[in-house]
């Protein structure tokens, strides 16, 4: 992949990462791991970390 393609995808990757972290910060809790552990996992293993959080860790109970 050339540098222009990476430069074009970087803002989208940053936005996706920011939205997942915002969802994690606003949630009351997470499943299987504490919220801080999910945040570390999301940051350390992009793009698989956010996908894992959305599929496995996100509390589907909703917000009140």
C-alpha atoms as a PDB file:
ATOM      1  CA  UNK A   1       0.000   0.000   0.000  1.00  0.00           C
ATOM      2  CA  UNK A   2       1.461   3.344  -0.942  1.00  0.00           C
ATOM      3  CA  UNK A   3       1.839   6.317   1.382  1.00  0.00           C
ATOM      4  CA  UNK A   4      -1.053   8.247  -0.163  1.00  0.00           C
ATOM      5  CA  UNK A   5      -3.466   5.436   0.606  1.00  0.00           C
ATOM      6  CA  UNK A   6      -2.215   5.221   4.180  1.00  0.00           C
ATOM      7  CA  UNK A   7      -2.538   8.971   4.566  1.00  0.00           C
ATOM      8  CA  UNK A   8      -6.124   8.778   3.309  1.00  0.00           C
ATOM      9  CA  UNK A   9      -7.041   5.946   5.689  1.00  0.00           C
ATOM     10  CA  UNK A  10      -5.375   7.420   8.790  1.00  0.00           C
ATOM     11  CA  UNK A  11      -8.207   9.866   9.649  1.00  0.00           C
ATOM     12  CA  UNK A  12     -10.780   7.094   9.292  1.00  0.00           C
ATOM     13  CA  UNK A  13      -8.786   4.802  11.554  1.00  0.00           C
ATOM     14  CA  UNK A  14      -8.407   7.595  14.117  1.00  0.00           C
ATOM     15  CA  UNK A  15     -12.152   8.314  14.006  1.00  0.00           C
ATOM     16  CA  UNK A  16     -13.037   4.635  14.462  1.00  0.00           C
ATOM     17  CA  UNK A  17     -10.636   4.341  17.388  1.00  0.00           C
ATOM     18  CA  UNK A  18     -11.991   7.521  18.988  1.00  0.00           C
ATOM     19  CA  UNK A  19     -15.609   6.362  18.646  1.00  0.00           C
ATOM     20  CA  UNK A  20     -14.888   3.004  20.255  1.00  0.00           C
ATOM     21  CA  UNK A  21     -13.019   4.655  23.134  1.00  0.00           C
ATOM     22  CA  UNK A  22     -15.845   7.170  23.568  1.00  0.00           C
ATOM     23  CA  UNK A  23     -18.379   4.350  23.720  1.00  0.00           C
ATOM     24  CA  UNK A  24     -16.212   2.579  26.279  1.00  0.00           C
ATOM     25  CA  UNK A  25     -15.851   5.729  28.393  1.00  0.00           C
ATOM     26  CA  UNK A  26     -19.586   6.446  28.375  1.00  0.00           C
ATOM     27  CA  UNK A  27     -20.644   2.904  29.235  1.00  0.00           C
ATOM     28  CA  UNK A  28     -21.415   1.921  32.807  1.00  0.00           C
ATOM     29  CA  UNK A  29     -19.441  -1.272  32.481  1.00  0.00           C
ATOM     30  CA  UNK A  30     -18.153  -3.889  30.114  1.00  0.00           C
ATOM     31  CA  UNK A  31     -18.416  -7.632  29.913  1.00  0.00           C
ATOM     32  CA  UNK A  32     -15.574 -10.074  30.588  1.00  0.00           C
ATOM     33  CA  UNK A  33     -12.940  -7.426  31.506  1.00  0.00           C
ATOM     34  CA  UNK A  34     -12.831  -4.130  33.398  1.00  0.00           C
ATOM     35  CA  UNK A  35     -13.205  -0.999  31.287  1.00  0.00           C
ATOM     36  CA  UNK A  36      -9.559   0.012  31.764  1.00  0.00           C
ATOM     37  CA  UNK A  37      -8.430  -3.391  30.451  1.00  0.00           C
ATOM     38  CA  UNK A  38     -10.649  -3.018  27.382  1.00  0.00           C
ATOM     39  CA  UNK A  39      -9.163   0.430  26.766  1.00  0.00           C
ATOM     40  CA  UNK A  40      -5.635  -0.990  26.877  1.00  0.00           C
ATOM     41  CA  UNK A  41      -6.633  -3.847  24.585  1.00  0.00           C
ATOM     42  CA  UNK A  42      -8.302  -1.479  22.099  1.00  0.00           C
ATOM     43  CA  UNK A  43      -5.278   0.819  21.995  1.00  0.00           C
ATOM     44  CA  UNK A  44      -2.672  -1.944  21.876  1.00  0.00           C
ATOM     45  CA  UNK A  45      -4.194  -4.137  19.210  1.00  0.00           C
ATOM     46  CA  UNK A  46      -5.852  -1.937  16.607  1.00  0.00           C
ATOM     47  CA  UNK A  47      -7.892  -3.005  14.545  1.00  0.00           C
ATOM     48  CA  UNK A  48      -8.680  -6.304  16.273  1.00  0.00           C
ATOM     49  CA  UNK A  49      -9.064  -4.758  19.739  1.00  0.00           C
ATOM     50  CA  UNK A  50     -11.988  -2.483  18.828  1.00  0.00           C
ATOM     51  CA  UNK A  51     -13.712  -5.324  16.986  1.00  0.00           C
ATOM     52  CA  UNK A  52     -13.267  -7.606  20.011  1.00  0.00           C
ATOM     53  CA  UNK A  53     -14.679  -4.934  22.325  1.00  0.00           C
ATOM     54  CA  UNK A  54     -17.709  -4.310  20.113  1.00  0.00           C
ATOM     55  CA  UNK A  55     -18.463  -8.019  19.740  1.00  0.00           C
ATOM     56  CA  UNK A  56     -17.498  -9.386  23.159  1.00  0.00           C
ATOM     57  CA  UNK A  57     -17.078  -6.592  25.681  1.00  0.00           C
ATOM     58  CA  UNK A  58     -19.784  -4.072  24.972  1.00  0.00           C
ATOM     59  CA  UNK A  59     -22.601  -4.147  27.509  1.00  0.00           C
ATOM     60  CA  UNK A  60     -25.789  -4.384  25.492  1.00  0.00           C
ATOM     61  CA  UNK A  61     -28.001  -3.327  28.417  1.00  0.00           C
ATOM     62  CA  UNK A  62     -28.287   0.231  27.133  1.00  0.00           C
ATOM     63  CA  UNK A  63     -27.792   3.538  28.867  1.00  0.00           C
ATOM     64  CA  UNK A  64     -30.244   5.224  31.164  1.00  0.00           C
END
